[in-house]
Protein backbone atom coordinates (compact mmCIF):
# COMPACT_ATOMS: atom_id res chain seq x y z
CA MET A 1 0.00 0.00 0.00
CA ASP A 2 1.40 3.41 -0.90
CA ARG A 3 1.18 6.57 1.19
CA GLU A 4 -1.94 7.93 -0.53
CA GLU A 5 -3.84 4.65 -0.09
CA ILE A 6 -2.88 4.54 3.59
CA ILE A 7 -3.99 8.14 4.10
CA THR A 8 -7.30 7.52 2.31
CA LYS A 9 -8.03 4.36 4.32
CA ILE A 10 -7.18 5.95 7.67
CA THR A 11 -9.14 9.11 6.85
CA GLU A 12 -12.25 7.12 5.92
CA GLU A 13 -12.09 5.07 9.10
CA LEU A 14 -11.49 8.17 11.22
CA ASN A 15 -14.58 9.80 9.71
CA VAL A 16 -16.66 6.74 10.63
CA CYS A 17 -15.29 6.83 14.18
CA GLU A 18 -16.04 10.54 14.51
CA GLU A 19 -19.65 9.98 13.49
CA TYR A 20 -20.10 7.21 16.05
CA LEU A 21 -18.46 9.36 18.74
CA LYS A 22 -20.81 12.26 18.00
CA ARG A 23 -23.73 9.93 18.66
CA GLU A 24 -21.90 8.16 21.51
CA ALA A 25 -22.76 4.89 19.78
CA ARG A 26 -20.89 1.61 19.37
CA LEU A 27 -17.97 2.84 21.47
CA ASP A 28 -16.42 -0.61 21.88
CA PHE A 29 -16.38 -0.93 18.09
CA VAL A 30 -14.87 2.56 17.75
CA LEU A 31 -12.13 1.73 20.25
CA ARG A 32 -11.28 -1.43 18.32
CA ILE A 33 -11.06 0.46 15.02
CA LEU A 34 -8.88 3.14 16.59
CA GLU A 35 -6.57 0.53 18.14
CA ASP A 36 -6.17 -1.02 14.69
CA LEU A 37 -5.50 2.41 13.20
CA MET A 38 -2.81 3.08 15.81
CA ASP A 39 -1.16 -0.18 14.75
CA GLU A 40 -1.37 0.86 11.09
CA VAL A 41 0.20 4.22 11.91
CA GLN A 42 3.07 2.45 13.67
CA GLU A 43 3.56 0.14 10.67
CA ALA A 44 3.60 3.15 8.36
CA ARG A 45 6.23 4.77 10.56
CA LYS A 46 8.42 1.68 10.26
CA LYS A 47 8.24 2.15 6.48
CA ASN A 48 9.19 5.83 6.90
CA ILE A 49 5.70 6.96 5.94
CA LEU A 50 4.88 9.90 8.17
CA LEU A 51 1.22 10.69 8.68
CA GLY A 52 1.52 13.66 11.05
CA GLU A 53 -1.95 15.13 11.52
CA LEU A 54 -3.69 11.79 10.93
CA GLU A 55 -1.63 10.16 13.66
CA GLU A 56 -2.65 12.92 16.03
CA ARG A 57 -6.33 12.55 15.07
CA VAL A 58 -6.17 8.81 15.77
CA ARG A 59 -4.73 9.41 19.24
CA ILE A 60 -7.19 12.19 20.08
CA LEU A 61 -10.21 10.15 18.99
CA TYR A 62 -8.93 7.12 20.89
CA HIS A 63 -8.64 9.14 24.10
CA ARG A 64 -12.06 10.69 23.53
CA ALA A 65 -13.64 7.26 23.04
CA SER A 66 -11.83 5.85 26.09
CA THR A 67 -13.05 8.75 28.21
CA LEU A 68 -16.64 8.33 27.02
CA VAL A 69 -16.55 4.61 27.83
CA ALA A 70 -15.19 5.36 31.32
CA LEU A 71 -17.83 8.03 31.96
CA ILE A 72 -20.62 5.74 30.79
CA GLU A 73 -19.33 2.92 32.99
CA GLN A 74 -19.20 5.25 35.99
CA GLY A 75 -22.77 6.34 35.30
CA VAL A 76 -23.92 2.73 35.11
CA LYS A 77 -22.21 1.81 38.39
CA LYS A 78 -23.96 4.62 40.31
């Protein structure tokens, strides 16, 4: 896969994740996708393919999803 294909794939998956996060839906699924994307970003790095802003978006969305899951779990436990 070349750089443009990687960028397109990651961007499409990030857009899907953002939509689910807006609705606070399917968060476990979103976390799984984002974990896979983090792995893909690391693999791209090993091939000297730098993704810059996309890498940052993946991390930010992952932390947002993790936080939402934690908040929901706290609300359920109360």
